[in-house]
Amino acid sequence: MSQKDGFASGFLLGTLVGGVVGGVLGAVLASRRDAQLPADEEIGLSDSSIPGNKIAAKRRQMRSAANEGLEMETARRSLEDKIAQLNATIDDVRNQLGNVNGTSSRPVEGSVSQDS
């Protein structure tokens, strides 16, 4: 019984200590990240605050969106080609295994029927 009591108290103590350490570490990391965020936002706002820069930024966004669409289409086509290749390879292997196991649906040339 004393081992169970020792385990329970150690488990609870470890849970509390781990929670406190994790909370402090999370708070420190979150505060560092929040401190870096406004600096990044100021750089972005100062670049696009001029009307000409706003238009250029919008054009860059439109071009990047068009490029993403083109890249997605290229990736989709490439994936479809690879799938077709895999399906053809799978069919070839099935045919070869069928010939090896004697379950081929088409007769092998030169074979003699044993019905006669």
N, C-alpha and C. Protein backbone atom coordinates (compact mmCIF):
# COMPACT_ATOMS: atom_id res chain seq x y z
N MET A 1 0.80 -1.18 0.00
CA MET A 1 0.00 0.00 0.00
C MET A 1 0.86 1.26 0.00
N SER A 2 2.00 1.22 0.64
CA SER A 2 2.82 2.42 0.73
C SER A 2 3.38 2.80 -0.64
N GLN A 3 3.60 1.82 -1.51
CA GLN A 3 4.10 2.13 -2.84
C GLN A 3 3.04 2.87 -3.65
N LYS A 4 1.78 2.48 -3.52
CA LYS A 4 0.72 3.16 -4.24
C LYS A 4 0.55 4.58 -3.75
N ASP A 5 0.65 4.79 -2.45
CA ASP A 5 0.53 6.13 -1.91
C ASP A 5 1.69 7.00 -2.38
N GLY A 6 2.88 6.45 -2.42
CA GLY A 6 4.05 7.19 -2.89
C GLY A 6 3.93 7.53 -4.37
N PHE A 7 3.38 6.61 -5.13
CA PHE A 7 3.21 6.84 -6.56
C PHE A 7 2.20 7.95 -6.80
N ALA A 8 1.09 7.91 -6.11
CA ALA A 8 0.03 8.90 -6.32
C ALA A 8 0.53 10.30 -5.96
N SER A 9 1.21 10.43 -4.84
CA SER A 9 1.70 11.75 -4.44
C SER A 9 2.78 12.25 -5.40
N GLY A 10 3.65 11.35 -5.86
CA GLY A 10 4.68 11.74 -6.82
C GLY A 10 4.09 12.14 -8.16
N PHE A 11 3.05 11.40 -8.55
CA PHE A 11 2.38 11.72 -9.81
C PHE A 11 1.73 13.09 -9.75
N LEU A 12 1.03 13.37 -8.66
CA LEU A 12 0.38 14.66 -8.52
C LEU A 12 1.40 15.79 -8.45
N LEU A 13 2.48 15.59 -7.71
CA LEU A 13 3.52 16.61 -7.62
C LEU A 13 4.15 16.86 -8.99
N GLY A 14 4.43 15.79 -9.73
CA GLY A 14 5.00 15.94 -11.07
C GLY A 14 4.06 16.65 -12.02
N THR A 15 2.77 16.37 -11.91
CA THR A 15 1.78 17.04 -12.75
C THR A 15 1.75 18.53 -12.45
N LEU A 16 1.77 18.88 -11.18
CA LEU A 16 1.74 20.30 -10.82
C LEU A 16 3.00 21.03 -11.27
N VAL A 17 4.15 20.42 -11.01
CA VAL A 17 5.42 21.06 -11.40
C VAL A 17 5.50 21.18 -12.92
N GLY A 18 5.12 20.14 -13.64
CA GLY A 18 5.14 20.19 -15.10
C GLY A 18 4.20 21.24 -15.65
N GLY A 19 3.03 21.38 -15.05
CA GLY A 19 2.09 22.40 -15.48
C GLY A 19 2.62 23.80 -15.28
N VAL A 20 3.25 24.02 -14.12
CA VAL A 20 3.80 25.35 -13.84
C VAL A 20 4.94 25.66 -14.80
N VAL A 21 5.85 24.71 -15.00
CA VAL A 21 6.99 24.94 -15.90
C VAL A 21 6.50 25.17 -17.33
N GLY A 22 5.55 24.36 -17.78
CA GLY A 22 5.01 24.53 -19.13
C GLY A 22 4.31 25.86 -19.31
N GLY A 23 3.56 26.29 -18.30
CA GLY A 23 2.86 27.57 -18.37
C GLY A 23 3.82 28.74 -18.45
N VAL A 24 4.86 28.71 -17.61
CA VAL A 24 5.85 29.79 -17.62
C VAL A 24 6.58 29.81 -18.96
N LEU A 25 6.99 28.67 -19.45
CA LEU A 25 7.69 28.60 -20.73
C LEU A 25 6.80 29.10 -21.86
N GLY A 26 5.54 28.71 -21.87
CA GLY A 26 4.61 29.17 -22.90
C GLY A 26 4.41 30.67 -22.85
N ALA A 27 4.30 31.23 -21.66
CA ALA A 27 4.11 32.67 -21.52
C ALA A 27 5.33 33.44 -22.02
N VAL A 28 6.52 32.95 -21.72
CA VAL A 28 7.75 33.61 -22.16
C VAL A 28 7.85 33.57 -23.69
N LEU A 29 7.60 32.41 -24.28
CA LEU A 29 7.69 32.30 -25.73
C LEU A 29 6.63 33.13 -26.43
N ALA A 30 5.42 33.19 -25.87
CA ALA A 30 4.35 33.99 -26.47
C ALA A 30 4.68 35.47 -26.40
N SER A 31 5.27 35.92 -25.31
CA SER A 31 5.61 37.35 -25.20
C SER A 31 6.71 37.72 -26.19
N ARG A 32 7.66 36.83 -26.42
CA ARG A 32 8.71 37.10 -27.41
C ARG A 32 8.12 37.19 -28.82
N ARG A 33 7.19 36.32 -29.11
CA ARG A 33 6.57 36.31 -30.44
C ARG A 33 5.74 37.57 -30.64
N ASP A 34 5.02 38.00 -29.60
CA ASP A 34 4.21 39.21 -29.70
C ASP A 34 5.10 40.44 -29.89
N ALA A 35 6.27 40.45 -29.32
CA ALA A 35 7.19 41.59 -29.46
C ALA A 35 7.71 41.68 -30.88
N GLN A 36 7.90 40.56 -31.55
CA GLN A 36 8.41 40.57 -32.92
C GLN A 36 7.32 40.92 -33.93
N LEU A 37 6.07 40.62 -33.64
CA LEU A 37 4.97 40.82 -34.56
C LEU A 37 4.75 42.28 -34.94
N PRO A 38 4.68 43.24 -34.00
CA PRO A 38 4.47 44.64 -34.41
C PRO A 38 5.60 45.17 -35.29
N ALA A 39 6.82 44.75 -35.07
CA ALA A 39 7.93 45.21 -35.90
C ALA A 39 7.72 44.74 -37.35
N ASP A 40 7.27 43.52 -37.54
CA ASP A 40 7.01 43.01 -38.88
C ASP A 40 5.84 43.75 -39.52
N GLU A 41 4.80 44.06 -38.76
CA GLU A 41 3.65 44.77 -39.29
C GLU A 41 4.01 46.19 -39.69
N GLU A 42 4.86 46.86 -38.92
CA GLU A 42 5.26 48.23 -39.24
C GLU A 42 6.01 48.26 -40.57
N ILE A 43 6.85 47.29 -40.81
CA ILE A 43 7.59 47.24 -42.07
C ILE A 43 6.62 47.09 -43.23
N GLY A 44 5.64 46.23 -43.10
CA GLY A 44 4.66 46.02 -44.16
C GLY A 44 3.79 47.24 -44.38
N LEU A 45 3.40 47.95 -43.32
CA LEU A 45 2.56 49.13 -43.46
C LEU A 45 3.33 50.29 -44.06
N SER A 46 4.56 50.47 -43.69
CA SER A 46 5.33 51.59 -44.22
C SER A 46 5.60 51.42 -45.71
N ASP A 47 5.75 50.18 -46.17
CA ASP A 47 6.00 49.95 -47.59
C ASP A 47 4.76 50.21 -48.43
N SER A 48 3.58 49.91 -47.92
CA SER A 48 2.37 50.02 -48.73
C SER A 48 1.56 51.26 -48.38
N SER A 49 2.10 52.19 -47.58
CA SER A 49 1.35 53.39 -47.21
C SER A 49 1.29 54.39 -48.35
N ILE A 50 2.24 54.35 -49.27
CA ILE A 50 2.24 55.23 -50.43
C ILE A 50 1.29 54.63 -51.46
N PRO A 51 0.41 55.43 -52.11
CA PRO A 51 -0.57 54.87 -53.05
C PRO A 51 0.06 54.03 -54.17
N GLY A 52 1.18 54.43 -54.70
CA GLY A 52 1.84 53.66 -55.76
C GLY A 52 2.29 52.30 -55.25
N ASN A 53 2.75 52.26 -54.02
CA ASN A 53 3.17 50.99 -53.43
C ASN A 53 1.98 50.08 -53.15
N LYS A 54 0.82 50.67 -52.83
CA LYS A 54 -0.37 49.86 -52.61
C LYS A 54 -0.78 49.15 -53.89
N ILE A 55 -0.72 49.86 -54.99
CA ILE A 55 -1.09 49.27 -56.28
C ILE A 55 -0.10 48.17 -56.65
N ALA A 56 1.18 48.44 -56.44
CA ALA A 56 2.20 47.44 -56.75
C ALA A 56 2.04 46.21 -55.87
N ALA A 57 1.71 46.43 -54.61
CA ALA A 57 1.51 45.30 -53.70
C ALA A 57 0.31 44.47 -54.14
N LYS A 58 -0.75 45.14 -54.57
CA LYS A 58 -1.95 44.42 -55.03
C LYS A 58 -1.63 43.62 -56.29
N ARG A 59 -0.84 44.19 -57.20
CA ARG A 59 -0.47 43.47 -58.42
C ARG A 59 0.37 42.24 -58.09
N ARG A 60 1.29 42.39 -57.13
CA ARG A 60 2.10 41.24 -56.72
C ARG A 60 1.23 40.14 -56.16
N GLN A 61 0.22 40.51 -55.37
CA GLN A 61 -0.68 39.52 -54.82
C GLN A 61 -1.46 38.82 -55.92
N MET A 62 -1.91 39.58 -56.91
CA MET A 62 -2.67 38.98 -58.01
C MET A 62 -1.79 38.04 -58.83
N ARG A 63 -0.55 38.47 -59.08
CA ARG A 63 0.37 37.60 -59.84
C ARG A 63 0.68 36.33 -59.07
N SER A 64 0.88 36.46 -57.76
CA SER A 64 1.20 35.27 -56.97
C SER A 64 0.00 34.33 -56.92
N ALA A 65 -1.21 34.87 -56.89
CA ALA A 65 -2.40 34.03 -56.91
C ALA A 65 -2.51 33.30 -58.24
N ALA A 66 -2.22 33.99 -59.34
CA ALA A 66 -2.27 33.36 -60.66
C ALA A 66 -1.19 32.29 -60.77
N ASN A 67 -0.01 32.57 -60.24
CA ASN A 67 1.08 31.58 -60.27
C ASN A 67 0.72 30.36 -59.43
N GLU A 68 0.07 30.57 -58.30
CA GLU A 68 -0.34 29.44 -57.46
C GLU A 68 -1.34 28.57 -58.18
N GLY A 69 -2.27 29.20 -58.91
CA GLY A 69 -3.25 28.45 -59.68
C GLY A 69 -2.58 27.62 -60.77
N LEU A 70 -1.62 28.22 -61.44
CA LEU A 70 -0.89 27.53 -62.50
C LEU A 70 -0.06 26.38 -61.91
N GLU A 71 0.57 26.64 -60.78
CA GLU A 71 1.36 25.59 -60.12
C GLU A 71 0.47 24.45 -59.66
N MET A 72 -0.71 24.76 -59.16
CA MET A 72 -1.65 23.73 -58.72
C MET A 72 -2.10 22.87 -59.90
N GLU A 73 -2.38 23.52 -61.02
CA GLU A 73 -2.81 22.78 -62.21
C GLU A 73 -1.69 21.88 -62.71
N THR A 74 -0.47 22.40 -62.72
CA THR A 74 0.68 21.59 -63.15
C THR A 74 0.88 20.41 -62.22
N ALA A 75 0.78 20.64 -60.93
CA ALA A 75 0.94 19.56 -59.96
C ALA A 75 -0.16 18.52 -60.12
N ARG A 76 -1.39 18.97 -60.38
CA ARG A 76 -2.52 18.05 -60.55
C ARG A 76 -2.31 17.17 -61.78
N ARG A 77 -1.88 17.78 -62.87
CA ARG A 77 -1.65 17.01 -64.10
C ARG A 77 -0.52 16.01 -63.91
N SER A 78 0.53 16.45 -63.25
CA SER A 78 1.65 15.55 -62.99
C SER A 78 1.20 14.37 -62.13
N LEU A 79 0.39 14.64 -61.14
CA LEU A 79 -0.12 13.59 -60.28
C LEU A 79 -1.01 12.62 -61.05
N GLU A 80 -1.85 13.15 -61.93
CA GLU A 80 -2.69 12.28 -62.75
C GLU A 80 -1.85 11.38 -63.65
N ASP A 81 -0.77 11.94 -64.22
CA ASP A 81 0.11 11.14 -65.06
C ASP A 81 0.76 10.02 -64.26
N LYS A 82 1.20 10.33 -63.07
CA LYS A 82 1.83 9.32 -62.22
C LYS A 82 0.84 8.23 -61.83
N ILE A 83 -0.40 8.63 -61.55
CA ILE A 83 -1.42 7.64 -61.20
C ILE A 83 -1.68 6.72 -62.38
N ALA A 84 -1.76 7.30 -63.59
CA ALA A 84 -1.97 6.48 -64.78
C ALA A 84 -0.81 5.51 -64.98
N GLN A 85 0.41 5.98 -64.74
CA GLN A 85 1.59 5.11 -64.85
C GLN A 85 1.51 3.97 -63.84
N LEU A 86 1.15 4.28 -62.62
CA LEU A 86 1.04 3.24 -61.59
C LEU A 86 -0.04 2.23 -61.94
N ASN A 87 -1.18 2.70 -62.46
CA ASN A 87 -2.25 1.79 -62.83
C ASN A 87 -1.80 0.85 -63.96
N ALA A 88 -1.06 1.39 -64.93
CA ALA A 88 -0.56 0.55 -66.02
C ALA A 88 0.43 -0.49 -65.48
N THR A 89 1.29 -0.07 -64.57
CA THR A 89 2.26 -1.00 -63.99
C THR A 89 1.55 -2.08 -63.18
N ILE A 90 0.52 -1.70 -62.44
CA ILE A 90 -0.24 -2.68 -61.66
C ILE A 90 -0.90 -3.69 -62.58
N ASP A 91 -1.47 -3.22 -63.69
CA ASP A 91 -2.10 -4.14 -64.65
C ASP A 91 -1.07 -5.11 -65.23
N ASP A 92 0.12 -4.60 -65.56
CA ASP A 92 1.17 -5.47 -66.10
C ASP A 92 1.57 -6.53 -65.09
N VAL A 93 1.72 -6.15 -63.85
CA VAL A 93 2.11 -7.11 -62.81
C VAL A 93 1.01 -8.15 -62.61
N ARG A 94 -0.25 -7.71 -62.64
CA ARG A 94 -1.35 -8.66 -62.51
C ARG A 94 -1.33 -9.69 -63.64
N ASN A 95 -1.08 -9.20 -64.85
CA ASN A 95 -1.00 -10.12 -65.99
C ASN A 95 0.15 -11.10 -65.83
N GLN A 96 1.29 -10.61 -65.38
CA GLN A 96 2.45 -11.48 -65.21
C GLN A 96 2.19 -12.51 -64.11
N LEU A 97 1.61 -12.09 -63.02
CA LEU A 97 1.32 -13.02 -61.93
C LEU A 97 0.26 -14.01 -62.34
N GLY A 98 -0.70 -13.58 -63.13
CA GLY A 98 -1.72 -14.50 -63.62
C GLY A 98 -1.11 -15.56 -64.50
N ASN A 99 -0.14 -15.20 -65.32
CA ASN A 99 0.54 -16.16 -66.18
C ASN A 99 1.37 -17.13 -65.36
N VAL A 100 1.97 -16.66 -64.29
CA VAL A 100 2.80 -17.52 -63.45
C VAL A 100 1.93 -18.52 -62.69
N ASN A 101 0.80 -18.05 -62.18
CA ASN A 101 -0.07 -18.92 -61.38
C ASN A 101 -0.99 -19.79 -62.22
N GLY A 102 -1.01 -19.58 -63.52
CA GLY A 102 -1.84 -20.38 -64.39
C GLY A 102 -3.28 -19.97 -64.38
N THR A 103 -3.58 -18.76 -63.94
CA THR A 103 -4.95 -18.28 -63.92
C THR A 103 -5.17 -17.23 -64.99
N SER A 104 -4.39 -17.26 -66.01
CA SER A 104 -4.50 -16.28 -67.07
C SER A 104 -5.80 -16.50 -67.83
N SER A 105 -6.44 -15.41 -68.21
CA SER A 105 -7.71 -15.52 -68.93
C SER A 105 -7.48 -15.82 -70.41
N ARG A 106 -6.30 -15.57 -70.91
CA ARG A 106 -6.03 -15.87 -72.32
C ARG A 106 -5.10 -17.08 -72.41
N PRO A 107 -5.33 -17.93 -73.40
CA PRO A 107 -4.49 -19.13 -73.52
C PRO A 107 -3.08 -18.78 -73.97
N VAL A 108 -2.16 -19.59 -73.49
CA VAL A 108 -0.76 -19.42 -73.85
C VAL A 108 -0.55 -20.07 -75.22
N GLU A 109 0.15 -19.38 -76.11
CA GLU A 109 0.39 -19.91 -77.46
C GLU A 109 1.23 -21.18 -77.40
N GLY A 110 0.88 -22.13 -78.23
CA GLY A 110 1.67 -23.35 -78.32
C GLY A 110 1.31 -24.37 -77.27
N SER A 111 0.30 -24.13 -76.46
CA SER A 111 -0.05 -25.10 -75.45
C SER A 111 -0.97 -26.15 -76.05
N VAL A 112 -0.88 -27.35 -75.55
CA VAL A 112 -1.65 -28.47 -76.05
C VAL A 112 -2.78 -28.74 -75.09
N SER A 113 -3.97 -28.88 -75.59
CA SER A 113 -5.12 -29.17 -74.76
C SER A 113 -5.08 -30.62 -74.31
N GLN A 114 -5.45 -30.90 -73.07
CA GLN A 114 -5.39 -32.26 -72.56
C GLN A 114 -6.74 -32.94 -72.64
N ASP A 115 -7.70 -32.34 -73.33
CA ASP A 115 -9.03 -32.95 -73.46
C ASP A 115 -9.02 -34.12 -74.41
N SER A 116 -8.08 -34.19 -75.36
CA SER A 116 -8.10 -35.24 -76.36
C SER A 116 -7.49 -36.50 -75.92
